[in-house]
Amino acid sequence: MKNNTEDNTTPIKALIQAIYDLHNCDAILIESVPVKETFKGQTVWEGIVEVFELQDHPTANRCYAWSYLIDDTSKRKYVAVLHQGPVDSAKNAVKAAIISEYKK
């Protein structure tokens, strides 16, 4: 997952659409949270995570979302992690996304 410091301008509408596409529910922005994730003293991801309240999702009431540019392209990857289990904060959502990406 690419560091988000270079381009942190994802429009909220695009994130709301990504949440709808991935989780089939509407979302309302609650707050923006700066997150810096490090591993062995090195920054592996830094950026703003948008926190949304979900409308009518069957298992989650919140979602953490952000995007980043895909390796030297103008294409954007959208990430929307549900507030469930160990994912109880923006920071833990980033950790979960990094682990998921690493396992691929």
PDB file of N, CA and C in Angstrom:
ATOM      1  N   MET A   1       0.865  -1.171   0.000  1.00  0.00           N
ATOM      2  CA  MET A   1       0.000   0.000   0.000  1.00  0.00           C
ATOM      3  C   MET A   1       0.902   1.221   0.000  1.00  0.00           C
ATOM      4  N   LYS A   2       0.688   2.081  -0.943  1.00  0.00           N
ATOM      5  CA  LYS A   2       1.533   3.248  -1.104  1.00  0.00           C
ATOM      6  C   LYS A   2       1.269   4.299  -0.036  1.00  0.00           C
ATOM      7  N   ASN A   3       2.342   4.971   0.372  1.00  0.00           N
ATOM      8  CA  ASN A   3       2.248   6.076   1.318  1.00  0.00           C
ATOM      9  C   ASN A   3       1.335   7.147   0.737  1.00  0.00           C
ATOM     10  N   ASN A   4       0.515   7.736   1.553  1.00  0.00           N
ATOM     11  CA  ASN A   4      -0.509   8.673   1.105  1.00  0.00           C
ATOM     12  C   ASN A   4      -0.082  10.129   1.224  1.00  0.00           C
ATOM     13  N   THR A   5       1.172  10.411   1.576  1.00  0.00           N
ATOM     14  CA  THR A   5       1.562  11.795   1.797  1.00  0.00           C
ATOM     15  C   THR A   5       1.676  12.589   0.502  1.00  0.00           C
ATOM     16  N   GLU A   6       1.908  11.920  -0.617  1.00  0.00           N
ATOM     17  CA  GLU A   6       2.094  12.648  -1.882  1.00  0.00           C
ATOM     18  C   GLU A   6       0.806  13.257  -2.410  1.00  0.00           C
ATOM     19  N   ASP A   7      -0.303  12.563  -2.229  1.00  0.00           N
ATOM     20  CA  ASP A   7      -1.567  13.032  -2.780  1.00  0.00           C
ATOM     21  C   ASP A   7      -2.675  12.709  -1.804  1.00  0.00           C
ATOM     22  N   ASN A   8      -3.080  13.703  -1.063  1.00  0.00           N
ATOM     23  CA  ASN A   8      -4.061  13.478  -0.008  1.00  0.00           C
ATOM     24  C   ASN A   8      -5.331  14.267  -0.308  1.00  0.00           C
ATOM     25  N   THR A   9      -5.775  14.208  -1.565  1.00  0.00           N
ATOM     26  CA  THR A   9      -6.873  15.065  -1.992  1.00  0.00           C
ATOM     27  C   THR A   9      -8.081  14.287  -2.499  1.00  0.00           C
ATOM     28  N   THR A  10      -8.304  13.109  -1.947  1.00  0.00           N
ATOM     29  CA  THR A  10      -9.444  12.318  -2.389  1.00  0.00           C
ATOM     30  C   THR A  10     -10.736  13.033  -2.032  1.00  0.00           C
ATOM     31  N   PRO A  11     -11.555  13.337  -3.018  1.00  0.00           N
ATOM     32  CA  PRO A  11     -12.840  13.968  -2.704  1.00  0.00           C
ATOM     33  C   PRO A  11     -13.706  13.029  -1.857  1.00  0.00           C
ATOM     34  N   ILE A  12     -14.391  13.594  -0.898  1.00  0.00           N
ATOM     35  CA  ILE A  12     -15.253  12.816  -0.010  1.00  0.00           C
ATOM     36  C   ILE A  12     -16.308  12.058  -0.814  1.00  0.00           C
ATOM     37  N   LYS A  13     -16.850  12.695  -1.848  1.00  0.00           N
ATOM     38  CA  LYS A  13     -17.869  12.023  -2.672  1.00  0.00           C
ATOM     39  C   LYS A  13     -17.330  10.727  -3.280  1.00  0.00           C
ATOM     40  N   ALA A  14     -16.061  10.731  -3.684  1.00  0.00           N
ATOM     41  CA  ALA A  14     -15.465   9.531  -4.266  1.00  0.00           C
ATOM     42  C   ALA A  14     -15.334   8.429  -3.220  1.00  0.00           C
ATOM     43  N   LEU A  15     -15.001   8.792  -1.990  1.00  0.00           N
ATOM     44  CA  LEU A  15     -14.911   7.796  -0.920  1.00  0.00           C
ATOM     45  C   LEU A  15     -16.285   7.241  -0.569  1.00  0.00           C
ATOM     46  N   ILE A  16     -17.288   8.109  -0.529  1.00  0.00           N
ATOM     47  CA  ILE A  16     -18.658   7.649  -0.260  1.00  0.00           C
ATOM     48  C   ILE A  16     -19.106   6.666  -1.345  1.00  0.00           C
ATOM     49  N   GLN A  17     -18.769   6.955  -2.593  1.00  0.00           N
ATOM     50  CA  GLN A  17     -19.114   6.038  -3.687  1.00  0.00           C
ATOM     51  C   GLN A  17     -18.368   4.719  -3.539  1.00  0.00           C
ATOM     52  N   ALA A  18     -17.104   4.785  -3.148  1.00  0.00           N
ATOM     53  CA  ALA A  18     -16.325   3.558  -2.952  1.00  0.00           C
ATOM     54  C   ALA A  18     -16.924   2.711  -1.832  1.00  0.00           C
ATOM     55  N   ILE A  19     -17.341   3.350  -0.748  1.00  0.00           N
ATOM     56  CA  ILE A  19     -17.986   2.621   0.350  1.00  0.00           C
ATOM     57  C   ILE A  19     -19.265   1.956  -0.148  1.00  0.00           C
ATOM     58  N   TYR A  20     -20.046   2.678  -0.935  1.00  0.00           N
ATOM     59  CA  TYR A  20     -21.280   2.102  -1.479  1.00  0.00           C
ATOM     60  C   TYR A  20     -20.961   0.906  -2.385  1.00  0.00           C
ATOM     61  N   ASP A  21     -19.967   1.080  -3.259  1.00  0.00           N
ATOM     62  CA  ASP A  21     -19.603   0.008  -4.190  1.00  0.00           C
ATOM     63  C   ASP A  21     -19.075  -1.231  -3.462  1.00  0.00           C
ATOM     64  N   LEU A  22     -18.288  -1.028  -2.409  1.00  0.00           N
ATOM     65  CA  LEU A  22     -17.672  -2.146  -1.694  1.00  0.00           C
ATOM     66  C   LEU A  22     -18.584  -2.779  -0.647  1.00  0.00           C
ATOM     67  N   HIS A  23     -19.410  -1.964   0.013  1.00  0.00           N
ATOM     68  CA  HIS A  23     -20.176  -2.453   1.156  1.00  0.00           C
ATOM     69  C   HIS A  23     -21.688  -2.268   1.026  1.00  0.00           C
ATOM     70  N   ASN A  24     -22.124  -1.727  -0.108  1.00  0.00           N
ATOM     71  CA  ASN A  24     -23.554  -1.612  -0.427  1.00  0.00           C
ATOM     72  C   ASN A  24     -24.362  -0.854   0.633  1.00  0.00           C
ATOM     73  N   CYS A  25     -23.824   0.292   1.067  1.00  0.00           N
ATOM     74  CA  CYS A  25     -24.568   1.131   2.009  1.00  0.00           C
ATOM     75  C   CYS A  25     -24.125   2.582   1.861  1.00  0.00           C
ATOM     76  N   ASP A  26     -24.965   3.481   2.308  1.00  0.00           N
ATOM     77  CA  ASP A  26     -24.637   4.899   2.290  1.00  0.00           C
ATOM     78  C   ASP A  26     -23.781   5.242   3.499  1.00  0.00           C
ATOM     79  N   ALA A  27     -23.057   6.354   3.391  1.00  0.00           N
ATOM     80  CA  ALA A  27     -22.144   6.753   4.454  1.00  0.00           C
ATOM     81  C   ALA A  27     -22.164   8.262   4.649  1.00  0.00           C
ATOM     82  N   ILE A  28     -21.969   8.675   5.895  1.00  0.00           N
ATOM     83  CA  ILE A  28     -21.914  10.089   6.254  1.00  0.00           C
ATOM     84  C   ILE A  28     -20.575  10.350   6.940  1.00  0.00           C
ATOM     85  N   LEU A  29     -19.849  11.349   6.470  1.00  0.00           N
ATOM     86  CA  LEU A  29     -18.550  11.681   7.050  1.00  0.00           C
ATOM     87  C   LEU A  29     -18.712  12.154   8.489  1.00  0.00           C
ATOM     88  N   ILE A  30     -17.903  11.589   9.391  1.00  0.00           N
ATOM     89  CA  ILE A  30     -17.897  11.992  10.800  1.00  0.00           C
ATOM     90  C   ILE A  30     -16.676  12.852  11.112  1.00  0.00           C
ATOM     91  N   GLU A  31     -15.494  12.361  10.696  1.00  0.00           N
ATOM     92  CA  GLU A  31     -14.265  13.086  10.995  1.00  0.00           C
ATOM     93  C   GLU A  31     -13.132  12.621  10.094  1.00  0.00           C
ATOM     94  N   SER A  32     -12.064  13.404  10.100  1.00  0.00           N
ATOM     95  CA  SER A  32     -10.831  13.078   9.387  1.00  0.00           C
ATOM     96  C   SER A  32      -9.740  12.879  10.427  1.00  0.00           C
ATOM     97  N   VAL A  33      -9.014  11.760  10.309  1.00  0.00           N
ATOM     98  CA  VAL A  33      -8.022  11.406  11.318  1.00  0.00           C
ATOM     99  C   VAL A  33      -6.658  11.222  10.657  1.00  0.00           C
ATOM    100  N   PRO A  34      -5.638  11.978  11.093  1.00  0.00           N
ATOM    101  CA  PRO A  34      -4.289  11.736  10.575  1.00  0.00           C
ATOM    102  C   PRO A  34      -3.735  10.444  11.169  1.00  0.00           C
ATOM    103  N   VAL A  35      -3.139   9.612  10.312  1.00  0.00           N
ATOM    104  CA  VAL A  35      -2.570   8.340  10.758  1.00  0.00           C
ATOM    105  C   VAL A  35      -1.158   8.206  10.211  1.00  0.00           C
ATOM    106  N   LYS A  36      -0.266   7.779  11.082  1.00  0.00           N
ATOM    107  CA  LYS A  36       1.104   7.466  10.670  1.00  0.00           C
ATOM    108  C   LYS A  36       1.407   6.073  11.191  1.00  0.00           C
ATOM    109  N   GLU A  37       1.625   5.149  10.281  1.00  0.00           N
ATOM    110  CA  GLU A  37       1.909   3.758  10.653  1.00  0.00           C
ATOM    111  C   GLU A  37       3.385   3.472  10.386  1.00  0.00           C
ATOM    112  N   THR A  38       4.057   2.952  11.406  1.00  0.00           N
ATOM    113  CA  THR A  38       5.485   2.644  11.282  1.00  0.00           C
ATOM    114  C   THR A  38       5.721   1.164  11.535  1.00  0.00           C
ATOM    115  N   PHE A  39       6.822   0.673  10.997  1.00  0.00           N
ATOM    116  CA  PHE A  39       7.255  -0.699  11.221  1.00  0.00           C
ATOM    117  C   PHE A  39       8.766  -0.681  11.326  1.00  0.00           C
ATOM    118  N   LYS A  40       9.281  -1.145  12.459  1.00  0.00           N
ATOM    119  CA  LYS A  40      10.714  -1.157  12.733  1.00  0.00           C
ATOM    120  C   LYS A  40      11.336   0.228  12.523  1.00  0.00           C
ATOM    121  N   GLY A  41      10.631   1.240  13.013  1.00  0.00           N
ATOM    122  CA  GLY A  41      11.146   2.601  12.961  1.00  0.00           C
ATOM    123  C   GLY A  41      10.985   3.319  11.629  1.00  0.00           C
ATOM    124  N   GLN A  42      10.426   2.663  10.631  1.00  0.00           N
ATOM    125  CA  GLN A  42      10.234   3.260   9.308  1.00  0.00           C
ATOM    126  C   GLN A  42       8.756   3.540   9.068  1.00  0.00           C
ATOM    127  N   THR A  43       8.454   4.693   8.482  1.00  0.00           N
ATOM    128  CA  THR A  43       7.071   5.009   8.135  1.00  0.00           C
ATOM    129  C   THR A  43       6.670   4.173   6.932  1.00  0.00           C
ATOM    130  N   VAL A  44       5.607   3.374   7.088  1.00  0.00           N
ATOM    131  CA  VAL A  44       5.117   2.556   5.980  1.00  0.00           C
ATOM    132  C   VAL A  44       3.870   3.149   5.347  1.00  0.00           C
ATOM    133  N   TRP A  45       3.166   4.009   6.091  1.00  0.00           N
ATOM    134  CA  TRP A  45       2.004   4.713   5.533  1.00  0.00           C
ATOM    135  C   TRP A  45       1.725   5.927   6.400  1.00  0.00           C
ATOM    136  N   GLU A  46       1.412   7.029   5.725  1.00  0.00           N
ATOM    137  CA  GLU A  46       1.043   8.249   6.438  1.00  0.00           C
ATOM    138  C   GLU A  46       0.024   8.999   5.598  1.00  0.00           C
ATOM    139  N   GLY A  47      -1.063   9.397   6.233  1.00  0.00           N
ATOM    140  CA  GLY A  47      -2.080  10.138   5.501  1.00  0.00           C
ATOM    141  C   GLY A  47      -3.313  10.378   6.354  1.00  0.00           C
ATOM    142  N   ILE A  48      -4.367  10.809   5.706  1.00  0.00           N
ATOM    143  CA  ILE A  48      -5.628  11.100   6.377  1.00  0.00           C
ATOM    144  C   ILE A  48      -6.610   9.973   6.104  1.00  0.00           C
ATOM    145  N   VAL A  49      -7.199   9.463   7.167  1.00  0.00           N
ATOM    146  CA  VAL A  49      -8.247   8.450   7.055  1.00  0.00           C
ATOM    147  C   VAL A  49      -9.571   9.134   7.381  1.00  0.00           C
ATOM    148  N   GLU A  50     -10.524   8.986   6.485  1.00  0.00           N
ATOM    149  CA  GLU A  50     -11.849   9.559   6.699  1.00  0.00           C
ATOM    150  C   GLU A  50     -12.708   8.524   7.434  1.00  0.00           C
ATOM    151  N   VAL A  51     -13.400   8.969   8.463  1.00  0.00           N
ATOM    152  CA  VAL A  51     -14.253   8.087   9.256  1.00  0.00           C
ATOM    153  C   VAL A  51     -15.709   8.394   8.907  1.00  0.00           C
ATOM    154  N   PHE A  52     -16.446   7.349   8.554  1.00  0.00           N
ATOM    155  CA  PHE A  52     -17.834   7.504   8.121  1.00  0.00           C
ATOM    156  C   PHE A  52     -18.779   6.712   9.013  1.00  0.00           C
ATOM    157  N   GLU A  53     -19.962   7.255   9.232  1.00  0.00           N
ATOM    158  CA  GLU A  53     -21.059   6.503   9.837  1.00  0.00           C
ATOM    159  C   GLU A  53     -21.794   5.820   8.693  1.00  0.00           C
ATOM    160  N   LEU A  54     -22.069   4.522   8.866  1.00  0.00           N
ATOM    161  CA  LEU A  54     -22.754   3.763   7.828  1.00  0.00           C
ATOM    162  C   LEU A  54     -24.253   3.748   8.077  1.00  0.00           C
ATOM    163  N   GLN A  55     -25.004   3.770   6.997  1.00  0.00           N
ATOM    164  CA  GLN A  55     -26.463   3.717   7.046  1.00  0.00           C
ATOM    165  C   GLN A  55     -26.922   2.336   6.584  1.00  0.00           C
ATOM    166  N   ASP A  56     -27.595   1.619   7.466  1.00  0.00           N
ATOM    167  CA  ASP A  56     -28.214   0.333   7.127  1.00  0.00           C
ATOM    168  C   ASP A  56     -27.237  -0.765   6.700  1.00  0.00           C
ATOM    169  N   HIS A  57     -26.032  -0.755   7.245  1.00  0.00           N
ATOM    170  CA  HIS A  57     -25.137  -1.889   7.005  1.00  0.00           C
ATOM    171  C   HIS A  57     -25.495  -2.981   8.013  1.00  0.00           C
ATOM    172  N   PRO A  58     -25.521  -4.243   7.599  1.00  0.00           N
ATOM    173  CA  PRO A  58     -25.987  -5.299   8.496  1.00  0.00           C
ATOM    174  C   PRO A  58     -25.072  -5.605   9.688  1.00  0.00           C
ATOM    175  N   THR A  59     -23.773  -5.311   9.588  1.00  0.00           N
ATOM    176  CA  THR A  59     -22.867  -5.718  10.670  1.00  0.00           C
ATOM    177  C   THR A  59     -21.955  -4.626  11.213  1.00  0.00           C
ATOM    178  N   ALA A  60     -21.900  -3.477  10.583  1.00  0.00           N
ATOM    179  CA  ALA A  60     -20.985  -2.419  11.038  1.00  0.00           C
ATOM    180  C   ALA A  60     -21.702  -1.072  11.052  1.00  0.00           C
ATOM    181  N   ASN A  61     -21.302  -0.208  11.983  1.00  0.00           N
ATOM    182  CA  ASN A  61     -21.898   1.131  12.020  1.00  0.00           C
ATOM    183  C   ASN A  61     -20.924   2.210  11.575  1.00  0.00           C
ATOM    184  N   ARG A  62     -19.652   1.833  11.391  1.00  0.00           N
ATOM    185  CA  ARG A  62     -18.639   2.789  10.913  1.00  0.00           C
ATOM    186  C   ARG A  62     -17.745   2.151   9.869  1.00  0.00           C
ATOM    187  N   CYS A  63     -17.077   3.028   9.126  1.00  0.00           N
ATOM    188  CA  CYS A  63     -16.146   2.586   8.103  1.00  0.00           C
ATOM    189  C   CYS A  63     -15.006   3.602   8.030  1.00  0.00           C
ATOM    190  N   TYR A  64     -13.809   3.122   7.751  1.00  0.00           N
ATOM    191  CA  TYR A  64     -12.621   3.962   7.603  1.00  0.00           C
ATOM    192  C   TYR A  64     -12.201   3.894   6.139  1.00  0.00           C
ATOM    193  N   ALA A  65     -12.014   5.054   5.511  1.00  0.00           N
ATOM    194  CA  ALA A  65     -11.741   5.051   4.072  1.00  0.00           C
ATOM    195  C   ALA A  65     -10.668   6.054   3.692  1.00  0.00           C
ATOM    196  N   TRP A  66      -9.927   5.707   2.637  1.00  0.00           N
ATOM    197  CA  TRP A  66      -8.910   6.571   2.067  1.00  0.00           C
ATOM    198  C   TRP A  66      -8.586   6.037   0.674  1.00  0.00           C
ATOM    199  N   SER A  67      -7.740   6.738  -0.030  1.00  0.00           N
ATOM    200  CA  SER A  67      -7.298   6.257  -1.342  1.00  0.00           C
ATOM    201  C   SER A  67      -5.846   6.628  -1.540  1.00  0.00           C
ATOM    202  N   TYR A  68      -5.258   6.017  -2.565  1.00  0.00           N
ATOM    203  CA  TYR A  68      -3.878   6.345  -2.917  1.00  0.00           C
ATOM    204  C   TYR A  68      -3.676   6.070  -4.403  1.00  0.00           C
ATOM    205  N   LEU A  69      -2.671   6.732  -4.967  1.00  0.00           N
ATOM    206  CA  LEU A  69      -2.345   6.516  -6.365  1.00  0.00           C
ATOM    207  C   LEU A  69      -1.598   5.200  -6.508  1.00  0.00           C
ATOM    208  N   ILE A  70      -1.915   4.466  -7.565  1.00  0.00           N
ATOM    209  CA  ILE A  70      -1.278   3.172  -7.815  1.00  0.00           C
ATOM    210  C   ILE A  70       0.035   3.409  -8.555  1.00  0.00           C
ATOM    211  N   ASP A  71       1.099   2.908  -7.964  1.00  0.00           N
ATOM    212  CA  ASP A  71       2.460   2.936  -8.516  1.00  0.00           C
ATOM    213  C   ASP A  71       2.650   3.677  -9.839  1.00  0.00           C
ATOM    214  N   ASP A  72       3.033   4.918  -9.769  1.00  0.00           N
ATOM    215  CA  ASP A  72       3.413   5.722 -10.941  1.00  0.00           C
ATOM    216  C   ASP A  72       2.339   5.780 -12.029  1.00  0.00           C
ATOM    217  N   THR A  73       1.067   5.737 -11.632  1.00  0.00           N
ATOM    218  CA  THR A  73      -0.018   5.886 -12.594  1.00  0.00           C
ATOM    219  C   THR A  73      -0.940   6.987 -12.085  1.00  0.00           C
ATOM    220  N   SER A  74      -1.930   7.296 -12.864  1.00  0.00           N
ATOM    221  CA  SER A  74      -2.930   8.250 -12.399  1.00  0.00           C
ATOM    222  C   SER A  74      -4.163   7.525 -11.863  1.00  0.00           C
ATOM    223  N   LYS A  75      -4.080   6.184 -11.774  1.00  0.00           N
ATOM    224  CA  LYS A  75      -5.189   5.388 -11.257  1.00  0.00           C
ATOM    225  C   LYS A  75      -5.158   5.388  -9.736  1.00  0.00           C
ATOM    226  N   ARG A  76      -6.335   5.400  -9.150  1.00  0.00           N
ATOM    227  CA  ARG A  76      -6.472   5.509  -7.704  1.00  0.00           C
ATOM    228  C   ARG A  76      -7.065   4.224  -7.139  1.00  0.00           C
ATOM    229  N   LYS A  77      -6.515   3.752  -6.045  1.00  0.00           N
ATOM    230  CA  LYS A  77      -7.026   2.594  -5.295  1.00  0.00           C
ATOM    231  C   LYS A  77      -7.798   3.132  -4.098  1.00  0.00           C
ATOM    232  N   TYR A  78      -9.027   2.668  -3.928  1.00  0.00           N
ATOM    233  CA  TYR A  78      -9.861   3.076  -2.809  1.00  0.00           C
ATOM    234  C   TYR A  78      -9.890   1.957  -1.768  1.00  0.00           C
ATOM    235  N   VAL A  79      -9.757   2.355  -0.526  1.00  0.00           N
ATOM    236  CA  VAL A  79      -9.760   1.408   0.584  1.00  0.00           C
ATOM    237  C   VAL A  79     -10.889   1.822   1.522  1.00  0.00           C
ATOM    238  N   ALA A  80     -11.717   0.859   1.910  1.00  0.00           N
ATOM    239  CA  ALA A  80     -12.824   1.116   2.845  1.00  0.00           C
ATOM    240  C   ALA A  80     -12.921  -0.077   3.786  1.00  0.00           C
ATOM    241  N   VAL A  81     -12.490   0.126   5.015  1.00  0.00           N
ATOM    242  CA  VAL A  81     -12.406  -0.953   5.993  1.00  0.00           C
ATOM    243  C   VAL A  81     -13.520  -0.780   7.030  1.00  0.00           C
ATOM    244  N   LEU A  82     -14.281  -1.836   7.245  1.00  0.00           N
ATOM    245  CA  LEU A  82     -15.375  -1.783   8.207  1.00  0.00           C
ATOM    246  C   LEU A  82     -14.862  -1.792   9.646  1.00  0.00           C
ATOM    247  N   HIS A  83     -15.583  -1.101  10.520  1.00  0.00           N
ATOM    248  CA  HIS A  83     -15.312  -1.079  11.958  1.00  0.00           C
ATOM    249  C   HIS A  83     -15.879  -2.368  12.543  1.00  0.00           C
ATOM    250  N   GLN A  84     -15.015  -3.403  12.608  1.00  0.00           N
ATOM    251  CA  GLN A  84     -15.427  -4.718  13.099  1.00  0.00           C
ATOM    252  C   GLN A  84     -14.225  -5.416  13.711  1.00  0.00           C
ATOM    253  N   GLY A  85     -14.475  -6.268  14.709  1.00  0.00           N
ATOM    254  CA  GLY A  85     -13.410  -7.062  15.308  1.00  0.00           C
ATOM    255  C   GLY A  85     -12.257  -6.193  15.777  1.00  0.00           C
ATOM    256  N   PRO A  86     -11.039  -6.528  15.366  1.00  0.00           N
ATOM    257  CA  PRO A  86      -9.885  -5.752  15.815  1.00  0.00           C
ATOM    258  C   PRO A  86      -9.800  -4.356  15.187  1.00  0.00           C
ATOM    259  N   VAL A  87     -10.588  -4.117  14.167  1.00  0.00           N
ATOM    260  CA  VAL A  87     -10.589  -2.792  13.525  1.00  0.00           C
ATOM    261  C   VAL A  87     -11.553  -1.894  14.291  1.00  0.00           C
ATOM    262  N   ASP A  88     -10.994  -1.149  15.245  1.00  0.00           N
ATOM    263  CA  ASP A  88     -11.809  -0.280  16.093  1.00  0.00           C
ATOM    264  C   ASP A  88     -11.335   1.168  16.070  1.00  0.00           C
ATOM    265  N   SER A  89     -10.437   1.480  15.106  1.00  0.00           N
ATOM    266  CA  SER A  89      -9.914   2.839  14.975  1.00  0.00           C
ATOM    267  C   SER A  89      -9.352   3.027  13.570  1.00  0.00           C
ATOM    268  N   ALA A  90      -9.103   4.273  13.215  1.00  0.00           N
ATOM    269  CA  ALA A  90      -8.504   4.572  11.906  1.00  0.00           C
ATOM    270  C   ALA A  90      -7.130   3.920  11.795  1.00  0.00           C
ATOM    271  N   LYS A  91      -6.345   4.000  12.852  1.00  0.00           N
ATOM    272  CA  LYS A  91      -4.999   3.406  12.846  1.00  0.00           C
ATOM    273  C   LYS A  91      -5.065   1.896  12.629  1.00  0.00           C
ATOM    274  N   ASN A  92      -5.990   1.225  13.317  1.00  0.00           N
ATOM    275  CA  ASN A  92      -6.115  -0.221  13.144  1.00  0.00           C
ATOM    276  C   ASN A  92      -6.663  -0.586  11.769  1.00  0.00           C
ATOM    277  N   ALA A  93      -7.459   0.293  11.168  1.00  0.00           N
ATOM    278  CA  ALA A  93      -7.933   0.059   9.801  1.00  0.00           C
ATOM    279  C   ALA A  93      -6.762   0.084   8.825  1.00  0.00           C
ATOM    280  N   VAL A  94      -5.858   1.034   9.016  1.00  0.00           N
ATOM    281  CA  VAL A  94      -4.661   1.102   8.157  1.00  0.00           C
ATOM    282  C   VAL A  94      -3.816  -0.148   8.346  1.00  0.00           C
ATOM    283  N   LYS A  95      -3.604  -0.561   9.595  1.00  0.00           N
ATOM    284  CA  LYS A  95      -2.838  -1.788   9.864  1.00  0.00           C
ATOM    285  C   LYS A  95      -3.466  -2.984   9.156  1.00  0.00           C
ATOM    286  N   ALA A  96      -4.786  -3.126   9.273  1.00  0.00           N
ATOM    287  CA  ALA A  96      -5.485  -4.252   8.651  1.00  0.00           C
ATOM    288  C   ALA A  96      -5.332  -4.222   7.127  1.00  0.00           C
ATOM    289  N   ALA A  97      -5.413  -3.039   6.535  1.00  0.00           N
ATOM    290  CA  ALA A  97      -5.271  -2.917   5.079  1.00  0.00           C
ATOM    291  C   ALA A  97      -3.849  -3.264   4.637  1.00  0.00           C
ATOM    292  N   ILE A  98      -2.858  -2.834   5.417  1.00  0.00           N
ATOM    293  CA  ILE A  98      -1.457  -3.149   5.088  1.00  0.00           C
ATOM    294  C   ILE A  98      -1.245  -4.651   5.153  1.00  0.00           C
ATOM    295  N   ILE A  99      -1.745  -5.291   6.197  1.00  0.00           N
ATOM    296  CA  ILE A  99      -1.591  -6.750   6.337  1.00  0.00           C
ATOM    297  C   ILE A  99      -2.292  -7.470   5.202  1.00  0.00           C
ATOM    298  N   SER A 100      -3.498  -7.033   4.861  1.00  0.00           N
ATOM    299  CA  SER A 100      -4.244  -7.647   3.766  1.00  0.00           C
ATOM    300  C   SER A 100      -3.497  -7.510   2.443  1.00  0.00           C
ATOM    301  N   GLU A 101      -2.943  -6.342   2.192  1.00  0.00           N
ATOM    302  CA  GLU A 101      -2.196  -6.092   0.954  1.00  0.00           C
ATOM    303  C   GLU A 101      -0.932  -6.953   0.912  1.00  0.00           C
ATOM    304  N   TYR A 102      -0.273  -7.096   2.043  1.00  0.00           N
ATOM    305  CA  TYR A 102       0.952  -7.875   2.131  1.00  0.00           C
ATOM    306  C   TYR A 102       0.690  -9.354   1.838  1.00  0.00           C
ATOM    307  N   LYS A 103      -0.470  -9.844   2.264  1.00  0.00           N
ATOM    308  CA  LYS A 103      -0.814 -11.259   2.074  1.00  0.00           C
ATOM    309  C   LYS A 103      -1.141 -11.606   0.628  1.00  0.00           C
ATOM    310  N   LYS A 104      -1.414 -10.602  -0.196  1.00  0.00           N
ATOM    311  CA  LYS A 104      -1.789 -10.857  -1.601  1.00  0.00           C
ATOM    312  C   LYS A 104      -0.611 -11.329  -2.425  1.00  0.00           C
TER     313      LYS A 104
END
